[in-house]
């Protein structure tokens, strides 16, 4: 996907990917999708988030994984075509799993993620996915 960034704002962690989730990971794509294609995209997205999570923790030696949080997924799109928010959010599952693998989140079960929301923002010329983790 390309360049990714992270930043911490008090009780928030903002992780930014420079594009929307892989199309192979979206529910509507699976109807004619070969399982191996989805598997390799899932693995790649999970690894990208894992590496980003490790790079975030690298500068915080005393970092403790987030125990309880709310997650907001914000998708910035570069055109006004019709989009399915749930489909985009499903594409982020591998990103969240990668952040658990990296130790940013304790787990992504309902006991730890209290709320999961998503939104779409239009900004001409930009495509990105932001995962905003707010400790509660």
Protein backbone atom coordinates (compact mmCIF):
# COMPACT_ATOMS: atom_id res chain seq x y z
CA UNK A 1 0.00 0.00 0.00
CA UNK A 2 2.86 2.43 0.57
CA UNK A 3 3.69 4.94 3.28
CA UNK A 4 2.03 4.63 6.64
CA UNK A 5 2.22 6.82 9.72
CA UNK A 6 1.34 6.65 13.39
CA UNK A 7 0.94 9.27 16.07
CA UNK A 8 -0.21 9.36 19.68
CA UNK A 9 -2.47 12.06 21.07
CA UNK A 10 -2.96 11.63 24.85
CA UNK A 11 -5.29 8.61 25.04
CA UNK A 12 -5.50 8.16 21.24
CA UNK A 13 -3.39 6.32 18.72
CA UNK A 14 -3.89 7.28 15.08
CA UNK A 15 -2.58 4.85 12.48
CA UNK A 16 -2.75 5.95 8.86
CA UNK A 17 -2.47 3.78 5.75
CA UNK A 18 -2.05 5.63 2.48
CA UNK A 19 -4.92 3.92 0.65
CA UNK A 20 -8.20 2.14 1.19
CA UNK A 21 -8.17 -1.52 2.31
CA UNK A 22 -7.32 -4.05 -0.38
CA UNK A 23 -10.29 -4.76 -2.62
CA UNK A 24 -9.70 -8.52 -2.21
CA UNK A 25 -10.54 -8.20 1.50
CA UNK A 26 -13.96 -6.66 0.96
CA UNK A 27 -17.04 -8.85 1.26
CA UNK A 28 -18.51 -8.05 -2.14
CA UNK A 29 -15.32 -9.16 -3.87
CA UNK A 30 -15.49 -12.73 -2.50
CA UNK A 31 -18.25 -13.94 -4.76
CA UNK A 32 -15.88 -14.80 -7.59
CA UNK A 33 -12.65 -14.66 -5.62
CA UNK A 34 -10.19 -17.53 -5.39
CA UNK A 35 -9.41 -18.25 -1.70
CA UNK A 36 -5.63 -18.07 -2.19
CA UNK A 37 -5.86 -14.53 -3.54
CA UNK A 38 -7.79 -13.42 -0.45
CA UNK A 39 -5.39 -15.30 1.83
CA UNK A 40 -2.31 -13.58 0.44
CA UNK A 41 -3.95 -10.13 0.67
CA UNK A 42 -5.00 -10.82 4.26
CA UNK A 43 -1.49 -11.87 5.18
CA UNK A 44 0.04 -8.80 3.51
CA UNK A 45 -2.36 -6.36 5.20
CA UNK A 46 -1.79 -8.02 8.57
CA UNK A 47 2.00 -7.82 8.14
CA UNK A 48 1.82 -4.13 7.15
CA UNK A 49 -0.13 -3.29 10.30
CA UNK A 50 2.20 -5.45 12.42
CA UNK A 51 5.31 -3.66 11.14
CA UNK A 52 3.65 -0.28 11.62
CA UNK A 53 2.69 -1.25 15.18
CA UNK A 54 6.23 -2.36 15.98
CA UNK A 55 7.67 0.87 14.58
CA UNK A 56 5.22 2.82 16.75
CA UNK A 57 6.26 0.94 19.91
CA UNK A 58 9.95 1.29 19.08
CA UNK A 59 10.01 4.84 20.40
CA UNK A 60 7.98 4.04 23.52
CA UNK A 61 9.93 1.50 25.59
CA UNK A 62 7.35 1.54 28.41
CA UNK A 63 4.35 1.10 26.08
CA UNK A 64 1.60 -1.14 27.44
CA UNK A 65 -0.95 -2.66 25.04
CA UNK A 66 -4.33 -0.93 25.05
CA UNK A 67 -6.61 -2.96 27.31
CA UNK A 68 -9.99 -1.34 26.56
CA UNK A 69 -10.74 0.93 23.63
CA UNK A 70 -13.04 2.27 20.99
CA UNK A 71 -11.91 2.02 17.37
CA UNK A 72 -12.95 4.37 14.61
CA UNK A 73 -12.06 3.62 11.01
CA UNK A 74 -12.10 6.70 8.78
CA UNK A 75 -11.82 6.25 5.03
CA UNK A 76 -10.81 9.27 2.98
CA UNK A 77 -11.89 8.86 -0.65
CA UNK A 78 -10.91 10.86 -3.72
CA UNK A 79 -14.25 10.72 -5.53
CA UNK A 80 -17.94 10.72 -4.67
CA UNK A 81 -18.84 7.30 -6.01
CA UNK A 82 -21.21 5.17 -3.96
CA UNK A 83 -19.42 3.08 -1.30
CA UNK A 84 -20.47 0.51 1.27
CA UNK A 85 -19.05 1.47 4.70
CA UNK A 86 -19.43 -2.04 6.13
CA UNK A 87 -17.55 -3.47 3.19
CA UNK A 88 -14.66 -1.07 3.79
CA UNK A 89 -14.67 -1.85 7.51
CA UNK A 90 -14.51 -5.57 6.80
CA UNK A 91 -11.39 -4.85 4.74
CA UNK A 92 -9.75 -3.44 7.90
CA UNK A 93 -10.05 -6.68 9.89
CA UNK A 94 -6.53 -7.76 8.89
CA UNK A 95 -5.15 -4.35 9.95
CA UNK A 96 -6.70 -4.72 13.41
CA UNK A 97 -5.35 -8.29 13.71
CA UNK A 98 -1.87 -7.01 12.81
CA UNK A 99 -2.08 -4.38 15.57
CA UNK A 100 -2.98 -7.13 18.05
CA UNK A 101 0.01 -9.18 16.80
CA UNK A 102 2.27 -6.14 17.32
CA UNK A 103 1.05 -5.62 20.89
CA UNK A 104 -0.73 -2.31 20.30
CA UNK A 105 -4.03 -3.87 21.38
CA UNK A 106 -4.41 -6.65 23.95
CA UNK A 107 -7.08 -8.31 21.82
CA UNK A 108 -9.83 -7.40 19.37
CA UNK A 109 -12.62 -9.29 21.12
CA UNK A 110 -15.74 -7.59 22.45
CA UNK A 111 -14.23 -7.54 25.94
CA UNK A 112 -11.48 -5.18 24.79
CA UNK A 113 -12.99 -3.28 21.85
CA UNK A 114 -16.06 -1.58 23.31
CA UNK A 115 -17.14 0.15 20.13
CA UNK A 116 -16.26 -0.07 16.44
CA UNK A 117 -17.41 2.70 14.13
CA UNK A 118 -16.57 3.89 10.67
CA UNK A 119 -16.99 6.87 8.43
CA UNK A 120 -16.22 8.08 4.94
CA UNK A 121 -14.76 11.51 4.18
CA UNK A 122 -14.38 13.00 0.71
CA UNK A 123 -11.18 14.91 -0.04
CA UNK A 124 -10.25 15.46 -3.66
CA UNK A 125 -6.94 13.84 -4.54
CA UNK A 126 -6.51 11.80 -1.34
CA UNK A 127 -7.16 8.16 -0.46
CA UNK A 128 -6.28 6.88 2.99
CA UNK A 129 -7.48 4.77 5.88
CA UNK A 130 -7.11 5.98 9.45
CA UNK A 131 -7.55 3.66 12.40
CA UNK A 132 -8.15 5.75 15.52
CA UNK A 133 -7.81 3.86 18.79
CA UNK A 134 -9.15 5.68 21.85
CA UNK A 135 -8.46 4.18 25.27
CA UNK A 136 -11.50 4.01 27.55
